[in-house]
Amino acid sequence: MGGRAIVVVGDALLDVDLVGTASRLTPDAPVPVVEDVERRERPGGAALAAVIAAAATSREVVLVAPIDTDEGAARLRSLLDGRVRLVAIPASGGTAVKQRVRVGDHSVVRLDSGGASAVFGPLPEEAAAVIRDAAAVLVADYGRGTTAAPDVRAALSSARGPVVWDPHPRGADPVRGVRLVTPNGAEAARVATDVPADASGLAAVGARAESLIRRWGVGAVAITLGSRGALLSYGEGAPMVVPAVPVTGGDPCGAGDSFAAAAALALADGAVTGEAVSVAVAAASAFVARGGASAWEVEVYPEPDVVAEPGADAVIARVRAVGGTVVATGGCFDLLHPGHVATLRAARGLGDCLIVCINSDDSVRRLKGPSRPLVTAPDRARVLEALEFVDAVVVFEEDTPAEVLDRLRPDVWAKGGDYAGADLPEAAVLRRWGGQAVVLPYLDGHSTTALVERSRV
């Protein structure tokens, strides 16, 4: 592990999902009978934020949190072991346990146990030291009193690295000078009482962010807006709005922890605040698409320069579930031009979704020469995803799309160009599962190579 540690400070919980099936109601009340229940435990609260961060960085992640000596605490320690280093604040009063009864992907009820607040002793010197020397500190406040303790607040005020504070309605105000605070929309509306509670729209969100910056004396506030992304304000000037990538399905539980953890990691690596918020929005979307907190053991962030593709599998599953037709096409798409647009639009018309498979940057260089691509794979993917007739984009490393096609198994593979009457190279791959390769008319006079040559004249 390299570099200074990431430190997460806050309230650690034990989360439990009781997942079963339900096909009937009880005879004495209109409630479902949940059967074949499977118990799934995971870290919760600040502990979840810590394991999310640990899955996304090579840095050491240290969790500073009150930990009791009861059975819940023992289970929590076991879940954290080998993932994060725990520096416990001695505590009593019972470990907070939150149990969700779920049928499939839907929660039926949540059962909470443990005290409303923790009773804990002084902050250990080891904890004060790791907070002071951290590359970045994430405060994950879950309203159990940790952030109100004077010695914890003093340590956070002395932190040399950037501090990201994820607040809670029952928690303490952030310490002054924090780099970034990340409330959700409801939390911001509850605290920023100088903005009418019934005010809506981005103007109201921006006004609340400015109000919170004045109230707390912090550098910036990013109000998370769920599927709409986040609004970042520095207290004056135009705020920055970072839209979220649309996600189909998924579990939003833990998305706020994912957002805050990603922002803290980005700041630790030298990102400016706006860059950190952009990274955080993308990470939270990917986290939800991968199953949210219930999939906490899965690495939640892509490696740098690799385009995340949480949408492709979800899109295909949704279309297949209703008997629809999955269409795929592929290419470099280095400079998007009218010929590309015409082919993509026609391909989408052949079925119920369109997955675009694009060559990675290394693959393009091997095929087109060292001067290509002109546009990197992440940016090519973003441009394609912005088209209304493109449902998802997948980047492949090989020189041909054969492997990615074998994984996606589309019903139709569509190519534009002068292949009419010839057997497409991918046709043999499609035949393995009964798919069909087809050729679409190409718009004459448009090609990326021709555009590049004309630009050099």
Protein backbone atom coordinates (compact mmCIF):
# COMPACT_ATOMS: atom_id res chain seq x y z
CA MET A 1 0.00 0.00 0.00
CA GLY A 2 1.39 3.42 -0.88
CA GLY A 3 1.01 6.94 0.43
CA ARG A 4 -0.59 8.36 3.52
CA ALA A 5 -3.74 6.74 4.84
CA ILE A 6 -7.36 7.65 4.26
CA VAL A 7 -9.11 8.00 7.63
CA VAL A 8 -12.85 7.57 8.14
CA VAL A 9 -14.29 8.98 11.39
CA GLY A 10 -17.85 8.40 12.56
CA ASP A 11 -20.48 6.00 13.78
CA ALA A 12 -20.03 2.32 12.88
CA LEU A 13 -23.16 0.19 12.56
CA LEU A 14 -23.97 -3.42 11.74
CA ASP A 15 -26.37 -3.77 8.83
CA VAL A 16 -28.28 -6.99 8.24
CA ASP A 17 -30.42 -7.96 5.26
CA LEU A 18 -32.94 -10.75 5.85
CA VAL A 19 -33.73 -11.74 2.26
CA GLY A 20 -36.51 -14.16 1.41
CA THR A 21 -39.45 -14.87 -0.84
CA ALA A 22 -43.11 -13.98 -0.41
CA SER A 23 -46.05 -15.50 -2.28
CA ARG A 24 -48.93 -15.08 0.18
CA LEU A 25 -50.33 -12.84 2.91
CA THR A 26 -50.90 -13.81 6.51
CA PRO A 27 -54.53 -14.75 7.31
CA ASP A 28 -54.69 -12.30 10.23
CA ALA A 29 -53.32 -9.15 8.55
CA PRO A 30 -52.59 -7.84 5.03
CA VAL A 31 -48.82 -8.40 5.35
CA PRO A 32 -46.61 -10.79 3.39
CA VAL A 33 -45.30 -14.05 4.76
CA VAL A 34 -41.53 -14.03 4.13
CA GLU A 35 -40.05 -17.50 3.77
CA ASP A 36 -36.68 -19.13 3.02
CA VAL A 37 -34.90 -16.23 4.71
CA GLU A 38 -31.15 -15.78 4.15
CA ARG A 39 -29.20 -13.59 6.59
CA ARG A 40 -26.61 -11.27 5.05
CA GLU A 41 -24.44 -9.08 7.28
CA ARG A 42 -22.32 -6.12 6.25
CA PRO A 43 -20.62 -3.09 7.82
CA GLY A 44 -22.88 -0.06 8.12
CA GLY A 45 -22.53 3.67 8.66
CA ALA A 46 -18.92 4.85 8.85
CA ALA A 47 -17.81 1.21 8.60
CA LEU A 48 -19.49 0.87 5.20
CA ALA A 49 -17.85 4.10 4.01
CA ALA A 50 -14.49 2.70 5.11
CA VAL A 51 -14.80 -0.61 3.24
CA ILE A 52 -16.07 1.21 0.14
CA ALA A 53 -12.99 3.45 0.25
CA ALA A 54 -10.69 0.48 0.86
CA ALA A 55 -12.06 -1.31 -2.22
CA ALA A 56 -11.16 1.68 -4.38
CA THR A 57 -7.63 2.62 -3.29
CA SER A 58 -4.21 1.13 -2.68
CA ARG A 59 -3.82 3.41 0.33
CA GLU A 60 -4.39 2.10 3.83
CA VAL A 61 -7.86 2.96 5.14
CA VAL A 62 -8.25 3.52 8.88
CA LEU A 63 -11.62 3.60 10.65
CA VAL A 64 -11.87 5.62 13.85
CA ALA A 65 -15.20 4.84 15.55
CA PRO A 66 -16.73 3.96 18.93
CA ILE A 67 -16.86 0.17 19.23
CA ASP A 68 -18.64 -1.72 22.02
CA THR A 69 -17.82 -5.20 23.36
CA ASP A 70 -21.16 -6.87 22.57
CA GLU A 71 -21.98 -9.52 19.96
CA GLY A 72 -22.85 -6.93 17.30
CA ALA A 73 -19.45 -5.31 17.75
CA ALA A 74 -17.73 -8.69 17.44
CA ARG A 75 -19.54 -9.35 14.17
CA LEU A 76 -18.60 -5.88 12.93
CA ARG A 77 -14.92 -6.39 13.80
CA SER A 78 -14.97 -9.67 11.90
CA LEU A 79 -16.42 -8.02 8.79
CA LEU A 80 -13.79 -5.28 8.90
CA ASP A 81 -10.86 -7.60 9.49
CA GLY A 82 -8.46 -7.63 6.57
CA ARG A 83 -10.22 -4.75 4.83
CA VAL A 84 -9.57 -1.69 7.00
CA ARG A 85 -7.51 -0.94 10.09
CA LEU A 86 -9.75 -0.24 13.06
CA VAL A 87 -8.74 2.25 15.73
CA ALA A 88 -11.57 1.85 18.20
CA ILE A 89 -12.86 4.42 20.65
CA PRO A 90 -13.95 2.42 23.73
CA ALA A 91 -17.75 2.53 23.94
CA SER A 92 -20.76 1.07 25.72
CA GLY A 93 -24.52 1.20 25.25
CA GLY A 94 -24.87 -1.45 22.56
CA THR A 95 -23.92 -1.66 18.88
CA ALA A 96 -26.53 -0.16 16.59
CA VAL A 97 -27.95 -2.91 14.35
CA LYS A 98 -30.23 -2.16 11.41
CA GLN A 99 -32.07 -5.14 9.92
CA ARG A 100 -33.91 -4.86 6.61
CA VAL A 101 -36.43 -7.55 5.75
CA ARG A 102 -36.32 -7.79 1.95
CA VAL A 103 -38.26 -9.72 -0.65
CA GLY A 104 -36.12 -9.78 -3.75
CA ASP A 105 -34.98 -6.21 -4.33
CA HIS A 106 -37.69 -4.61 -2.18
CA SER A 107 -37.54 -3.76 1.51
CA VAL A 108 -40.60 -4.77 3.53
CA VAL A 109 -39.63 -3.36 6.93
CA ARG A 110 -36.54 -2.22 8.87
CA LEU A 111 -35.90 -3.26 12.46
CA ASP A 112 -33.44 -1.13 14.49
CA SER A 113 -31.84 -2.08 17.78
CA GLY A 114 -29.13 -0.60 19.96
CA GLY A 115 -29.03 2.72 21.78
CA ALA A 116 -29.94 5.96 20.05
CA SER A 117 -26.49 7.29 20.90
CA ALA A 118 -23.18 5.79 21.92
CA VAL A 119 -21.51 6.22 25.30
CA PHE A 120 -17.79 6.33 24.74
CA GLY A 121 -14.52 7.25 26.35
CA PRO A 122 -11.75 9.65 25.31
CA LEU A 123 -10.24 9.61 21.83
CA PRO A 124 -7.13 7.40 21.85
CA GLU A 125 -3.85 9.15 21.01
CA GLU A 126 -3.38 6.77 18.08
CA ALA A 127 -6.69 7.98 16.63
CA ALA A 128 -5.73 11.65 17.01
CA ALA A 129 -2.43 10.96 15.26
CA VAL A 130 -3.88 9.15 12.25
CA ILE A 131 -6.50 11.89 11.79
CA ARG A 132 -3.82 14.60 11.92
CA ASP A 133 -1.53 12.89 9.38
CA ALA A 134 -4.15 11.50 6.97
CA ALA A 135 -4.04 12.13 3.22
CA ALA A 136 -7.75 12.89 3.58
CA VAL A 137 -10.38 12.45 6.26
CA LEU A 138 -13.97 11.40 5.68
CA VAL A 139 -16.43 12.12 8.48
CA ALA A 140 -19.39 9.72 8.20
CA ASP A 141 -21.84 11.07 10.78
CA TYR A 142 -24.77 8.79 11.62
CA GLY A 143 -26.12 10.84 14.53
CA ARG A 144 -24.84 8.73 17.44
CA GLY A 145 -22.71 11.44 19.02
CA THR A 146 -19.19 10.78 17.74
CA THR A 147 -18.86 14.07 15.87
CA ALA A 148 -20.06 16.09 18.89
CA ALA A 149 -17.25 14.88 21.19
CA PRO A 150 -14.85 17.79 21.91
CA ASP A 151 -11.69 15.68 21.51
CA VAL A 152 -12.91 14.27 18.18
CA ARG A 153 -13.72 17.77 16.92
CA ALA A 154 -10.33 19.06 18.04
CA ALA A 155 -8.60 16.25 16.15
CA LEU A 156 -10.63 16.95 13.02
CA SER A 157 -9.78 20.65 13.23
CA SER A 158 -6.08 19.78 13.30
CA ALA A 159 -6.20 17.48 10.25
CA ARG A 160 -3.52 18.42 7.72
CA GLY A 161 -5.27 16.83 4.75
CA PRO A 162 -8.64 17.77 3.22
CA VAL A 163 -11.73 16.83 5.23
CA VAL A 164 -15.00 15.67 3.64
CA TRP A 165 -17.98 15.74 6.01
CA ASP A 166 -21.08 13.64 5.31
CA PRO A 167 -23.60 15.08 7.80
CA HIS A 168 -26.62 13.63 9.60
CA PRO A 169 -29.80 15.41 10.80
CA ARG A 170 -29.06 14.34 14.40
CA GLY A 171 -25.34 14.96 14.14
CA ALA A 172 -23.16 17.92 15.04
CA ASP A 173 -22.32 20.76 12.67
CA PRO A 174 -19.10 20.31 10.66
CA VAL A 175 -15.99 21.89 12.16
CA ARG A 176 -15.00 25.16 10.51
CA GLY A 177 -12.62 24.99 7.58
CA VAL A 178 -13.79 21.61 6.24
CA ARG A 179 -13.03 21.34 2.51
CA LEU A 180 -16.35 19.78 1.44
CA VAL A 181 -19.70 18.94 3.10
CA THR A 182 -22.05 16.52 1.31
CA PRO A 183 -25.65 16.69 2.59
CA ASN A 184 -28.50 15.26 0.57
CA GLY A 185 -31.37 17.45 -0.52
CA ALA A 186 -33.60 16.70 2.47
CA GLU A 187 -30.77 17.29 4.97
CA ALA A 188 -29.90 20.61 3.35
CA ALA A 189 -33.53 21.76 3.41
CA ARG A 190 -33.83 20.83 7.09
CA VAL A 191 -30.80 22.88 8.14
CA ALA A 192 -30.98 25.86 5.76
CA THR A 193 -34.09 27.31 7.38
CA ASP A 194 -33.62 30.74 5.77
CA VAL A 195 -34.74 29.21 2.46
CA PRO A 196 -38.47 28.32 2.34
CA ALA A 197 -38.95 24.61 2.97
CA ASP A 198 -41.37 24.28 0.06
CA ALA A 199 -39.00 25.96 -2.42
CA SER A 200 -37.89 23.59 -5.17
CA GLY A 201 -35.72 23.64 -8.25
CA LEU A 202 -32.00 24.27 -8.67
CA ALA A 203 -32.32 27.90 -7.52
CA ALA A 204 -33.55 26.72 -4.12
CA VAL A 205 -30.86 24.03 -3.90
CA GLY A 206 -28.18 26.60 -4.74
CA ALA A 207 -29.55 29.02 -2.16
CA ARG A 208 -29.47 26.30 0.50
CA ALA A 209 -25.87 25.42 -0.36
CA GLU A 210 -24.83 29.07 0.02
CA SER A 211 -26.71 29.28 3.32
CA LEU A 212 -24.93 26.20 4.68
CA ILE A 213 -21.51 27.55 3.70
CA ARG A 214 -22.22 30.77 5.62
CA ARG A 215 -23.59 28.87 8.60
CA TRP A 216 -20.81 26.31 8.86
CA GLY A 217 -17.80 28.28 7.62
CA VAL A 218 -16.74 25.53 5.20
CA GLY A 219 -15.04 25.66 1.82
CA ALA A 220 -17.78 24.11 -0.30
CA VAL A 221 -21.08 22.25 -0.10
CA ALA A 222 -22.16 19.56 -2.57
CA ILE A 223 -25.85 18.76 -2.19
CA THR A 224 -26.55 15.30 -3.57
CA LEU A 225 -29.75 15.00 -5.58
CA GLY A 226 -30.11 11.26 -6.09
CA SER A 227 -30.59 10.33 -9.73
CA ARG A 228 -30.14 13.99 -10.73
CA GLY A 229 -26.51 14.11 -9.56
CA ALA A 230 -25.17 16.87 -7.31
CA LEU A 231 -24.93 20.65 -7.04
CA LEU A 232 -21.62 22.11 -5.86
CA SER A 233 -21.39 25.62 -4.44
CA TYR A 234 -18.46 27.60 -3.08
CA GLY A 235 -20.78 30.20 -1.55
CA GLU A 236 -20.67 32.71 -4.37
CA GLY A 237 -20.85 32.72 -8.14
CA ALA A 238 -22.63 30.16 -10.29
CA PRO A 239 -22.81 26.67 -8.74
CA MET A 240 -21.63 23.62 -10.66
CA VAL A 241 -24.21 20.92 -11.40
CA VAL A 242 -22.87 17.41 -12.08
CA PRO A 243 -25.54 15.19 -13.68
CA ALA A 244 -25.64 11.51 -12.79
CA VAL A 245 -25.43 8.69 -15.30
CA PRO A 246 -28.93 7.13 -15.54
CA VAL A 247 -29.14 3.85 -13.65
CA THR A 248 -31.79 1.20 -14.18
CA GLY A 249 -32.72 -0.66 -11.00
CA GLY A 250 -30.05 -1.05 -8.32
CA ASP A 251 -30.20 -0.40 -4.58
CA PRO A 252 -29.58 3.23 -3.50
CA CYS A 253 -28.70 2.16 0.06
CA GLY A 254 -25.14 3.35 0.71
CA ALA A 255 -24.99 5.71 -2.28
CA GLY A 256 -24.24 8.67 0.00
CA ASP A 257 -21.34 6.80 1.60
CA SER A 258 -20.04 5.90 -1.85
CA PHE A 259 -20.27 9.54 -2.96
CA ALA A 260 -18.44 10.89 0.08
CA ALA A 261 -15.77 8.17 -0.01
CA ALA A 262 -15.04 8.80 -3.69
CA ALA A 263 -14.77 12.56 -3.09
CA ALA A 264 -12.33 12.03 -0.21
CA LEU A 265 -10.17 9.66 -2.28
CA ALA A 266 -10.05 12.10 -5.19
CA LEU A 267 -9.03 14.98 -2.91
CA ALA A 268 -6.33 12.81 -1.35
CA ASP A 269 -4.93 12.22 -4.83
CA GLY A 270 -4.73 15.94 -5.57
CA ALA A 271 -8.03 16.65 -7.32
CA VAL A 272 -9.63 20.06 -6.94
CA THR A 273 -13.06 20.11 -5.33
CA GLY A 274 -15.02 20.25 -8.59
CA GLU A 275 -13.12 17.29 -9.99
CA ALA A 276 -13.70 15.36 -6.77
CA VAL A 277 -17.46 15.93 -6.96
CA SER A 278 -17.56 14.80 -10.59
CA VAL A 279 -15.72 11.61 -9.66
CA ALA A 280 -18.07 11.11 -6.70
CA VAL A 281 -21.23 11.38 -8.81
CA ALA A 282 -19.91 8.80 -11.27
CA ALA A 283 -18.82 6.48 -8.45
CA ALA A 284 -22.19 6.68 -6.69
CA SER A 285 -24.03 5.85 -9.92
CA ALA A 286 -21.78 2.85 -10.53
CA PHE A 287 -22.21 1.76 -6.90
CA VAL A 288 -26.01 1.79 -7.17
CA ALA A 289 -25.92 -0.02 -10.52
CA ARG A 290 -23.78 -2.78 -9.01
CA GLY A 291 -26.34 -3.45 -6.29
CA GLY A 292 -25.59 -0.78 -3.69
CA ALA A 293 -24.70 -1.68 -0.13
CA SER A 294 -25.93 -5.25 -0.58
CA ALA A 295 -22.99 -5.79 -2.96
CA TRP A 296 -20.47 -4.12 -0.64
CA GLU A 297 -17.80 -6.79 -1.16
CA VAL A 298 -17.52 -5.97 -4.87
CA GLU A 299 -14.99 -3.33 -5.94
CA VAL A 300 -17.12 -0.29 -6.60
CA TYR A 301 -14.93 2.03 -8.66
CA PRO A 302 -13.35 1.42 -12.06
CA GLU A 303 -9.61 1.76 -12.50
CA PRO A 304 -8.50 5.06 -14.12
CA ASP A 305 -9.02 5.35 -17.89
CA VAL A 306 -11.45 2.40 -17.98
CA VAL A 307 -15.04 3.20 -18.91
CA ALA A 308 -17.54 1.76 -16.46
CA GLU A 309 -20.35 -0.16 -18.09
CA PRO A 310 -22.94 -0.80 -15.38
CA GLY A 311 -25.68 0.07 -17.86
CA ALA A 312 -24.99 -2.54 -20.55
CA ASP A 313 -25.87 -5.66 -18.58
CA ALA A 314 -28.86 -3.95 -16.96
CA VAL A 315 -30.19 -2.76 -20.33
CA ILE A 316 -29.83 -6.21 -21.88
CA ALA A 317 -31.49 -7.91 -18.91
CA ARG A 318 -34.42 -5.50 -19.04
CA VAL A 319 -34.97 -6.00 -22.78
CA ARG A 320 -34.63 -9.77 -22.57
CA ALA A 321 -37.10 -9.94 -19.68
CA VAL A 322 -39.89 -8.71 -21.96
CA GLY A 323 -38.82 -10.73 -25.00
CA GLY A 324 -37.23 -7.78 -26.83
CA THR A 325 -34.42 -7.70 -29.36
CA VAL A 326 -30.89 -6.66 -28.37
CA VAL A 327 -28.90 -4.90 -31.10
CA ALA A 328 -25.17 -4.17 -30.96
CA THR A 329 -22.78 -2.34 -33.24
CA GLY A 330 -19.14 -1.40 -32.99
CA GLY A 331 -16.21 0.61 -34.21
CA CYS A 332 -13.62 3.18 -33.15
CA PHE A 333 -15.96 6.22 -33.34
CA ASP A 334 -12.91 8.47 -33.05
CA LEU A 335 -14.63 11.55 -34.45
CA LEU A 336 -18.40 11.24 -34.46
CA HIS A 337 -19.74 12.39 -37.84
CA PRO A 338 -23.06 12.21 -39.78
CA GLY A 339 -22.17 8.80 -41.18
CA HIS A 340 -21.87 7.39 -37.67
CA VAL A 341 -25.09 9.04 -36.57
CA ALA A 342 -27.05 7.65 -39.51
CA THR A 343 -25.75 4.12 -38.91
CA LEU A 344 -26.41 4.24 -35.17
CA ARG A 345 -29.94 5.54 -35.66
CA ALA A 346 -30.66 2.79 -38.20
CA ALA A 347 -29.18 0.12 -35.93
CA ARG A 348 -31.40 1.19 -33.03
CA GLY A 349 -34.42 0.81 -35.27
CA LEU A 350 -33.70 -2.90 -35.65
CA GLY A 351 -34.57 -3.76 -32.06
CA ASP A 352 -35.40 -2.57 -28.57
CA CYS A 353 -31.98 -1.39 -27.39
CA LEU A 354 -28.59 -0.52 -28.89
CA ILE A 355 -25.26 -1.42 -27.27
CA VAL A 356 -22.25 0.27 -28.90
CA CYS A 357 -18.93 -1.59 -28.58
CA ILE A 358 -15.91 0.69 -29.06
CA ASN A 359 -12.20 -0.08 -29.36
CA SER A 360 -9.99 0.95 -26.47
CA ASP A 361 -7.26 3.52 -27.10
CA ASP A 362 -4.57 0.82 -27.42
CA SER A 363 -6.75 -1.14 -29.82
CA VAL A 364 -7.28 1.94 -32.00
CA ARG A 365 -3.53 2.59 -32.10
CA ARG A 366 -2.88 -0.93 -33.27
CA LEU A 367 -5.51 -0.63 -35.99
CA LYS A 368 -5.08 2.99 -37.12
CA GLY A 369 -1.51 3.90 -36.23
CA PRO A 370 0.25 5.85 -33.46
CA SER A 371 -1.48 9.16 -34.26
CA ARG A 372 -4.90 7.76 -33.37
CA PRO A 373 -7.20 7.97 -31.51
CA LEU A 374 -7.79 11.70 -31.53
CA VAL A 375 -10.31 11.29 -28.70
CA THR A 376 -9.80 9.03 -25.69
CA ALA A 377 -12.11 6.10 -24.98
CA PRO A 378 -13.82 7.70 -21.96
CA ASP A 379 -14.65 10.80 -24.00
CA ARG A 380 -15.77 8.78 -27.04
CA ALA A 381 -18.07 6.80 -24.74
CA ARG A 382 -19.54 9.94 -23.20
CA VAL A 383 -20.35 11.42 -26.61
CA LEU A 384 -22.03 8.21 -27.77
CA GLU A 385 -24.01 7.81 -24.53
CA ALA A 386 -25.42 11.31 -25.04
CA LEU A 387 -27.22 10.15 -28.21
CA GLU A 388 -30.85 9.32 -27.52
CA PHE A 389 -30.71 6.15 -29.63
CA VAL A 390 -27.69 4.67 -27.79
CA ASP A 391 -28.61 2.72 -24.66
CA ALA A 392 -25.14 1.75 -23.41
CA VAL A 393 -21.46 1.76 -24.42
CA VAL A 394 -18.89 -0.97 -23.79
CA VAL A 395 -15.12 -0.57 -24.35
CA PHE A 396 -13.15 -3.62 -25.49
CA GLU A 397 -9.36 -4.09 -25.51
CA GLU A 398 -9.02 -6.65 -28.33
CA ASP A 399 -8.54 -5.85 -32.03
CA THR A 400 -11.95 -7.35 -32.84
CA PRO A 401 -15.22 -7.32 -30.89
CA ALA A 402 -15.47 -11.13 -30.88
CA GLU A 403 -14.90 -11.54 -27.13
CA VAL A 404 -17.23 -8.75 -26.05
CA LEU A 405 -19.91 -10.08 -28.41
CA ASP A 406 -19.57 -13.53 -26.87
CA ARG A 407 -20.21 -11.97 -23.47
CA LEU A 408 -23.12 -9.71 -24.49
CA ARG A 409 -24.69 -12.17 -27.00
CA PRO A 410 -26.83 -9.66 -28.93
CA ASP A 411 -29.59 -10.85 -31.21
CA VAL A 412 -28.38 -8.57 -34.02
CA TRP A 413 -24.91 -7.24 -34.90
CA ALA A 414 -25.18 -4.26 -37.27
CA LYS A 415 -22.32 -2.77 -39.27
CA GLY A 416 -22.34 0.21 -41.58
CA GLY A 417 -20.18 0.27 -44.69
CA ASP A 418 -19.50 -1.56 -47.92
CA TYR A 419 -19.90 -5.11 -46.61
CA ALA A 420 -23.09 -5.86 -48.57
CA GLY A 421 -22.97 -9.33 -50.07
CA ALA A 422 -19.89 -10.28 -48.03
CA ASP A 423 -19.77 -12.30 -44.83
CA LEU A 424 -19.07 -10.00 -41.88
CA PRO A 425 -16.10 -11.10 -39.76
CA GLU A 426 -18.36 -11.22 -36.72
CA ALA A 427 -21.05 -13.34 -38.40
CA ALA A 428 -19.50 -16.64 -37.30
CA VAL A 429 -19.49 -15.47 -33.69
CA LEU A 430 -23.18 -14.50 -33.86
CA ARG A 431 -24.12 -17.93 -35.25
CA ARG A 432 -23.02 -19.59 -32.00
CA TRP A 433 -26.22 -18.44 -30.27
CA GLY A 434 -28.46 -17.87 -33.27
CA GLY A 435 -27.74 -14.16 -33.69
CA GLN A 436 -27.76 -12.37 -37.04
CA ALA A 437 -25.09 -10.07 -38.51
CA VAL A 438 -26.46 -7.42 -40.88
CA VAL A 439 -25.10 -4.55 -42.97
CA LEU A 440 -26.59 -1.06 -42.89
CA PRO A 441 -26.29 1.55 -45.66
CA TYR A 442 -23.38 3.91 -45.10
CA LEU A 443 -23.67 7.65 -45.70
CA ASP A 444 -21.26 8.33 -48.57
CA GLY A 445 -18.59 10.98 -48.21
CA HIS A 446 -18.20 10.71 -44.45
CA SER A 447 -15.35 8.96 -42.67
CA THR A 448 -13.07 9.79 -39.78
CA THR A 449 -9.97 9.20 -41.89
CA ALA A 450 -11.22 11.64 -44.54
CA LEU A 451 -11.97 14.24 -41.87
CA VAL A 452 -8.46 13.90 -40.46
CA GLU A 453 -6.87 14.21 -43.89
CA ARG A 454 -8.92 17.31 -44.76
CA SER A 455 -7.92 18.93 -41.44
CA ARG A 456 -4.26 18.59 -42.41
CA VAL A 457 -4.66 20.43 -45.72
